[in-house]
Amino acid sequence: MDIDVRPLAYVLTHMHPDLNAPILPGESWDDMRARRAAAADILDDLLREAADAGATPAEVTW
């Protein structure tokens, strides 16, 4: 069985890297938890977009 990594590639190219940082300089624990919750929502949205669009290779840029 081949694994289709296009949705993951789509998410990685459209998500800001700071959303997944362990903790940002000067960030409180509450701010970190809120950022991570937002990142989870954004991840869900991007995976839905990728599924709806078919995540064709033309949409994935490096």
C-alpha atoms as a PDB file:
ATOM      1  CA  MET A   1       0.000   0.000   0.000  1.00  0.00           C
ATOM      2  CA  ASP A   2       1.405   3.384  -1.022  1.00  0.00           C
ATOM      3  CA  ILE A   3       0.958   6.327   1.311  1.00  0.00           C
ATOM      4  CA  ASP A   4      -0.211   9.576  -0.268  1.00  0.00           C
ATOM      5  CA  VAL A   5       1.914  12.343   1.286  1.00  0.00           C
ATOM      6  CA  ARG A   6       0.429  15.148  -0.821  1.00  0.00           C
ATOM      7  CA  PRO A   7      -1.946  16.342   1.945  1.00  0.00           C
ATOM      8  CA  LEU A   8       0.976  16.538   4.382  1.00  0.00           C
ATOM      9  CA  ALA A   9       3.086  18.424   1.832  1.00  0.00           C
ATOM     10  CA  TYR A  10       0.176  20.813   1.235  1.00  0.00           C
ATOM     11  CA  VAL A  11      -0.144  21.496   4.982  1.00  0.00           C
ATOM     12  CA  LEU A  12       3.594  21.986   5.475  1.00  0.00           C
ATOM     13  CA  THR A  13       3.791  24.506   2.635  1.00  0.00           C
ATOM     14  CA  HIS A  14       0.791  26.513   3.877  1.00  0.00           C
ATOM     15  CA  MET A  15       1.303  26.511   7.652  1.00  0.00           C
ATOM     16  CA  HIS A  16       3.527  29.057   9.392  1.00  0.00           C
ATOM     17  CA  PRO A  17       6.446  27.259  11.129  1.00  0.00           C
ATOM     18  CA  ASP A  18       6.079  29.232  14.393  1.00  0.00           C
ATOM     19  CA  LEU A  19       2.712  27.589  14.987  1.00  0.00           C
ATOM     20  CA  ASN A  20       4.483  24.324  15.800  1.00  0.00           C
ATOM     21  CA  ALA A  21       7.393  25.738  17.789  1.00  0.00           C
ATOM     22  CA  PRO A  22       7.835  24.163  21.233  1.00  0.00           C
ATOM     23  CA  ILE A  23       7.703  27.588  22.899  1.00  0.00           C
ATOM     24  CA  LEU A  24       8.449  31.042  21.543  1.00  0.00           C
ATOM     25  CA  PRO A  25      10.749  33.493  23.356  1.00  0.00           C
ATOM     26  CA  GLY A  26       8.798  35.399  26.012  1.00  0.00           C
ATOM     27  CA  GLU A  27       5.677  33.291  25.503  1.00  0.00           C
ATOM     28  CA  SER A  28       3.620  32.311  28.554  1.00  0.00           C
ATOM     29  CA  TRP A  29       2.249  28.806  29.059  1.00  0.00           C
ATOM     30  CA  ASP A  30      -1.287  30.059  28.428  1.00  0.00           C
ATOM     31  CA  ASP A  31      -0.193  31.760  25.200  1.00  0.00           C
ATOM     32  CA  MET A  32       1.590  28.581  24.105  1.00  0.00           C
ATOM     33  CA  ARG A  33      -1.514  26.471  24.731  1.00  0.00           C
ATOM     34  CA  ALA A  34      -3.684  28.949  22.809  1.00  0.00           C
ATOM     35  CA  ARG A  35      -1.213  28.983  19.897  1.00  0.00           C
ATOM     36  CA  ARG A  36      -1.126  25.188  19.784  1.00  0.00           C
ATOM     37  CA  ALA A  37      -4.930  25.005  19.851  1.00  0.00           C
ATOM     38  CA  ALA A  38      -5.033  27.456  16.956  1.00  0.00           C
ATOM     39  CA  ALA A  39      -2.413  25.393  15.118  1.00  0.00           C
ATOM     40  CA  ALA A  40      -4.579  22.277  15.516  1.00  0.00           C
ATOM     41  CA  ASP A  41      -7.579  24.141  14.057  1.00  0.00           C
ATOM     42  CA  ILE A  42      -5.469  25.428  11.161  1.00  0.00           C
ATOM     43  CA  LEU A  43      -4.131  21.925  10.543  1.00  0.00           C
ATOM     44  CA  ASP A  44      -7.687  20.587  10.341  1.00  0.00           C
ATOM     45  CA  ASP A  45      -8.681  23.349   7.918  1.00  0.00           C
ATOM     46  CA  LEU A  46      -5.642  22.795   5.698  1.00  0.00           C
ATOM     47  CA  LEU A  47      -6.153  19.028   5.595  1.00  0.00           C
ATOM     48  CA  ARG A  48      -9.781  19.635   4.600  1.00  0.00           C
ATOM     49  CA  GLU A  49      -8.623  22.054   1.874  1.00  0.00           C
ATOM     50  CA  ALA A  50      -6.092  19.518   0.633  1.00  0.00           C
ATOM     51  CA  ALA A  51      -8.747  16.810   0.482  1.00  0.00           C
ATOM     52  CA  ASP A  52     -11.216  19.090  -1.315  1.00  0.00           C
ATOM     53  CA  ALA A  53      -8.602  20.256  -3.825  1.00  0.00           C
ATOM     54  CA  GLY A  54      -7.116  16.817  -4.322  1.00  0.00           C
ATOM     55  CA  ALA A  55      -3.739  18.292  -3.320  1.00  0.00           C
ATOM     56  CA  THR A  56      -2.389  18.079  -6.812  1.00  0.00           C
ATOM     57  CA  PRO A  57       1.393  18.373  -7.213  1.00  0.00           C
ATOM     58  CA  ALA A  58       0.935  21.800  -8.849  1.00  0.00           C
ATOM     59  CA  GLU A  59      -0.443  23.149  -5.540  1.00  0.00           C
ATOM     60  CA  VAL A  60       2.529  21.868  -3.544  1.00  0.00           C
ATOM     61  CA  THR A  61       5.546  24.140  -3.742  1.00  0.00           C
ATOM     62  CA  TRP A  62       8.820  23.806  -1.885  1.00  0.00           C
END
